Amino acid sequence: MIEIPLILYALLAFMIIASVIAMETRDLLSSVICVGTAGFGLAVIDLFLAAPDLAITQVVVEVVILVVLIRVVLTRRDETHETPKDTLSVAVVGVLVTVLLAASLVAFRHLHPFGQPLMADPATAGVGRAYLEGTLKETGAANAVMAILLDYRGYDTLGEATVIFTAVVAVGAVLRRIGRTSSAKEGPSGEGGE
């Protein structure tokens, strides 16, 4: 079994606890904050796994979604009715969480040893080495990271940028202070009528 730092297990447990609290709490604002906390935990895990591009994207999307959800929660009227807890649904969620944890432990056992470069192992060095050796002559770019992001993974990078742009536009639409005025209140020149 490979050595996984204890901090990753702690962060995974933290995210699971935040998710369970988000599902079980009665206060909607607390639920939104717990969902945001779980998302920020994932960003920290991305940083520990040396994926800063994923961490930055996760933080930006998480902040935007958190702002939108808090705005929606604070401006809505609560017209829900109290329903009793269903023991069967709680048991099903418990079983699903247990299966998820078991699958995660099995997946962790088959991961490459943490902190060791993939290039050191000849069996797994083929793809990465091919990118590093062929980047300059195939793309003409001296920076291998940017060549991979823009040439080999161009559509993926465009998709990430589209997600961020869409989230920013959605926040702008939800949080705008001046809304559209009704045409019935405006006169022919755009000024307010009597």
Protein backbone atom coordinates (compact mmCIF):
# COMPACT_ATOMS: atom_id res chain seq x y z
CA MET A 1 0.00 0.00 0.00
CA ILE A 2 1.28 3.48 -0.83
CA GLU A 3 1.88 6.12 1.80
CA ILE A 4 -0.80 8.84 1.70
CA PRO A 5 -0.14 11.83 3.97
CA LEU A 6 -2.42 11.96 6.98
CA ILE A 7 -3.45 15.50 6.03
CA LEU A 8 -5.23 14.17 2.92
CA TYR A 9 -7.26 11.77 5.03
CA ALA A 10 -8.04 14.58 7.46
CA LEU A 11 -9.17 16.87 4.63
CA LEU A 12 -11.31 14.11 3.11
CA ALA A 13 -12.94 13.51 6.51
CA PHE A 14 -13.44 17.27 6.90
CA MET A 15 -15.19 17.45 3.51
CA ILE A 16 -17.44 14.48 4.34
CA ILE A 17 -18.40 16.01 7.70
CA ALA A 18 -19.16 19.37 6.04
CA SER A 19 -21.30 17.60 3.41
CA VAL A 20 -23.26 15.68 6.04
CA ILE A 21 -23.86 18.86 8.03
CA ALA A 22 -25.00 20.61 4.83
CA MET A 23 -27.56 17.86 4.25
CA GLU A 24 -28.81 17.60 7.81
CA THR A 25 -28.92 21.20 9.03
CA ARG A 26 -32.26 23.00 9.16
CA ASP A 27 -30.83 26.45 8.45
CA LEU A 28 -30.38 27.00 4.71
CA LEU A 29 -27.61 29.58 5.13
CA SER A 30 -25.60 27.15 7.28
CA SER A 31 -26.10 24.52 4.60
CA VAL A 32 -24.74 26.85 1.90
CA ILE A 33 -21.71 27.71 4.02
CA CYS A 34 -21.00 24.00 4.65
CA VAL A 35 -21.17 23.26 0.92
CA GLY A 36 -18.68 26.10 0.32
CA THR A 37 -16.43 24.72 3.06
CA ALA A 38 -16.38 21.30 1.39
CA GLY A 39 -15.46 22.95 -1.92
CA PHE A 40 -12.61 24.88 -0.34
CA GLY A 41 -11.39 21.62 1.22
CA LEU A 42 -11.18 20.18 -2.29
CA ALA A 43 -9.11 23.19 -3.40
CA VAL A 44 -6.66 22.54 -0.54
CA ILE A 45 -6.44 18.87 -1.56
CA ASP A 46 -5.67 19.99 -5.13
CA LEU A 47 -2.81 22.12 -3.77
CA PHE A 48 -1.40 19.19 -1.79
CA LEU A 49 -1.55 17.02 -4.93
CA ALA A 50 0.42 19.64 -6.91
CA ALA A 51 -2.47 20.75 -9.12
CA PRO A 52 -2.56 24.54 -8.64
CA ASP A 53 -4.54 25.12 -11.84
CA LEU A 54 -7.38 22.97 -10.50
CA ALA A 55 -7.14 24.64 -7.09
CA ILE A 56 -7.43 28.13 -8.58
CA THR A 57 -10.40 27.12 -10.74
CA GLN A 58 -12.07 25.45 -7.73
CA VAL A 59 -11.60 28.53 -5.53
CA VAL A 60 -12.95 30.94 -8.17
CA VAL A 61 -16.00 28.81 -8.93
CA GLU A 62 -16.58 28.14 -5.23
CA VAL A 63 -16.50 31.85 -4.33
CA VAL A 64 -18.86 32.73 -7.17
CA ILE A 65 -21.32 29.95 -6.30
CA LEU A 66 -21.13 30.81 -2.60
CA VAL A 67 -21.95 34.48 -3.28
CA VAL A 68 -24.87 33.56 -5.55
CA LEU A 69 -26.31 31.01 -3.11
CA ILE A 70 -26.00 33.36 -0.12
CA ARG A 71 -27.74 36.09 -2.12
CA VAL A 72 -30.55 33.69 -3.05
CA VAL A 73 -30.93 32.45 0.53
CA LEU A 74 -31.07 35.94 2.01
CA THR A 75 -33.67 37.23 -0.47
CA ARG A 76 -36.09 34.30 -0.52
CA ARG A 77 -39.21 33.75 1.54
CA ASP A 78 -39.38 30.50 3.45
CA GLU A 79 -42.65 28.71 2.77
CA THR A 80 -41.55 25.18 3.57
CA HIS A 81 -43.24 22.84 5.99
CA GLU A 82 -41.53 20.68 8.56
CA THR A 83 -41.37 17.03 7.53
CA PRO A 84 -40.35 14.17 9.80
CA LYS A 85 -37.00 12.47 9.22
CA ASP A 86 -37.17 9.28 7.22
CA THR A 87 -35.02 6.56 8.81
CA LEU A 88 -34.75 4.67 5.53
CA SER A 89 -33.25 7.63 3.66
CA VAL A 90 -30.73 8.26 6.46
CA ALA A 91 -29.73 4.58 6.35
CA VAL A 92 -29.35 4.67 2.56
CA VAL A 93 -27.13 7.76 2.80
CA GLY A 94 -25.05 6.04 5.48
CA VAL A 95 -24.59 2.97 3.31
CA LEU A 96 -23.65 5.10 0.29
CA VAL A 97 -21.08 7.05 2.32
CA THR A 98 -19.60 3.76 3.58
CA VAL A 99 -19.37 2.39 0.03
CA LEU A 100 -17.75 5.65 -1.11
CA LEU A 101 -15.16 5.45 1.67
CA ALA A 102 -14.41 1.79 0.87
CA ALA A 103 -14.02 2.58 -2.84
CA SER A 104 -11.73 5.49 -1.96
CA LEU A 105 -9.50 3.25 0.15
CA VAL A 106 -9.25 0.71 -2.68
CA ALA A 107 -8.44 3.49 -5.17
CA PHE A 108 -5.79 4.96 -2.84
CA ARG A 109 -4.01 1.59 -2.73
CA HIS A 110 -3.59 1.57 -6.51
CA LEU A 111 -2.26 5.12 -6.83
CA HIS A 112 1.35 5.86 -7.66
CA PRO A 113 3.39 6.49 -4.47
CA PHE A 114 2.77 10.02 -3.27
CA GLY A 115 5.64 12.44 -3.80
CA GLN A 116 7.55 10.26 -6.27
CA PRO A 117 7.72 11.46 -9.87
CA LEU A 118 6.09 9.30 -12.48
CA MET A 119 9.16 9.70 -14.72
CA ALA A 120 11.22 7.54 -12.34
CA ASP A 121 9.14 4.46 -13.18
CA PRO A 122 9.84 3.28 -16.79
CA ALA A 123 6.42 1.63 -16.98
CA THR A 124 4.56 4.92 -16.46
CA ALA A 125 7.05 7.38 -17.97
CA GLY A 126 5.94 6.88 -21.58
CA VAL A 127 3.21 9.51 -21.93
CA GLY A 128 4.81 12.25 -19.84
CA ARG A 129 8.24 11.74 -21.37
CA ALA A 130 6.76 11.89 -24.88
CA TYR A 131 5.14 15.24 -24.08
CA LEU A 132 8.31 16.70 -22.57
CA GLU A 133 10.58 15.49 -25.36
CA GLY A 134 8.25 16.36 -28.25
CA THR A 135 6.81 19.68 -27.07
CA LEU A 136 9.42 21.96 -28.61
CA LYS A 137 9.49 20.37 -32.07
CA GLU A 138 5.72 19.68 -32.28
CA THR A 139 4.45 23.03 -30.99
CA GLY A 140 7.42 25.37 -31.20
CA ALA A 141 6.83 26.49 -27.60
CA ALA A 142 9.77 26.48 -25.20
CA ASN A 143 7.47 26.42 -22.14
CA ALA A 144 6.21 22.84 -21.87
CA VAL A 145 3.44 23.68 -19.39
CA MET A 146 1.88 26.34 -21.61
CA ALA A 147 2.29 24.14 -24.69
CA ILE A 148 0.39 21.35 -22.96
CA LEU A 149 -2.32 23.72 -21.69
CA LEU A 150 -2.84 25.56 -24.99
CA ASP A 151 -1.90 23.03 -27.68
CA TYR A 152 -2.51 19.54 -26.33
CA ARG A 153 -5.29 20.44 -23.88
CA GLY A 154 -6.67 23.53 -25.61
CA TYR A 155 -10.32 22.47 -25.45
CA ASP A 156 -10.04 21.61 -21.76
CA THR A 157 -8.51 25.03 -21.02
CA LEU A 158 -11.24 26.70 -23.08
CA GLY A 159 -13.86 24.77 -21.11
CA GLU A 160 -12.38 25.90 -17.78
CA ALA A 161 -12.32 29.52 -18.96
CA THR A 162 -15.93 29.21 -20.15
CA VAL A 163 -17.05 27.88 -16.75
CA ILE A 164 -15.36 30.79 -14.95
CA PHE A 165 -16.77 33.36 -17.41
CA THR A 166 -20.30 31.93 -17.10
CA ALA A 167 -20.08 31.98 -13.29
CA VAL A 168 -18.96 35.63 -13.29
CA VAL A 169 -21.77 36.64 -15.67
CA ALA A 170 -24.31 34.78 -13.49
CA VAL A 171 -23.08 36.58 -10.37
CA GLY A 172 -23.33 39.90 -12.18
CA ALA A 173 -26.89 39.13 -13.21
CA VAL A 174 -27.96 38.06 -9.72
CA LEU A 175 -26.20 40.80 -7.77
CA ARG A 176 -26.97 43.82 -9.94
CA ARG A 177 -28.52 46.65 -7.97
CA ILE A 178 -30.41 48.38 -10.77
CA GLY A 179 -32.89 46.13 -12.48
CA ARG A 180 -34.79 46.68 -15.66
CA THR A 181 -37.59 49.19 -15.36
CA SER A 182 -41.05 48.42 -16.56
CA SER A 183 -42.03 50.00 -19.86
CA ALA A 184 -45.39 51.03 -18.34
CA LYS A 185 -43.62 53.39 -15.92
CA GLU A 186 -41.52 55.04 -18.60
CA GLY A 187 -42.67 57.73 -20.97
CA PRO A 188 -41.88 57.83 -24.70
CA SER A 189 -38.52 59.52 -24.12
CA GLY A 190 -37.44 57.01 -21.44
CA GLU A 191 -38.28 59.36 -18.56
CA GLY A 192 -40.68 58.41 -15.81
CA GLY A 193 -44.36 59.06 -16.46
CA GLU A 194 -46.88 60.65 -14.16
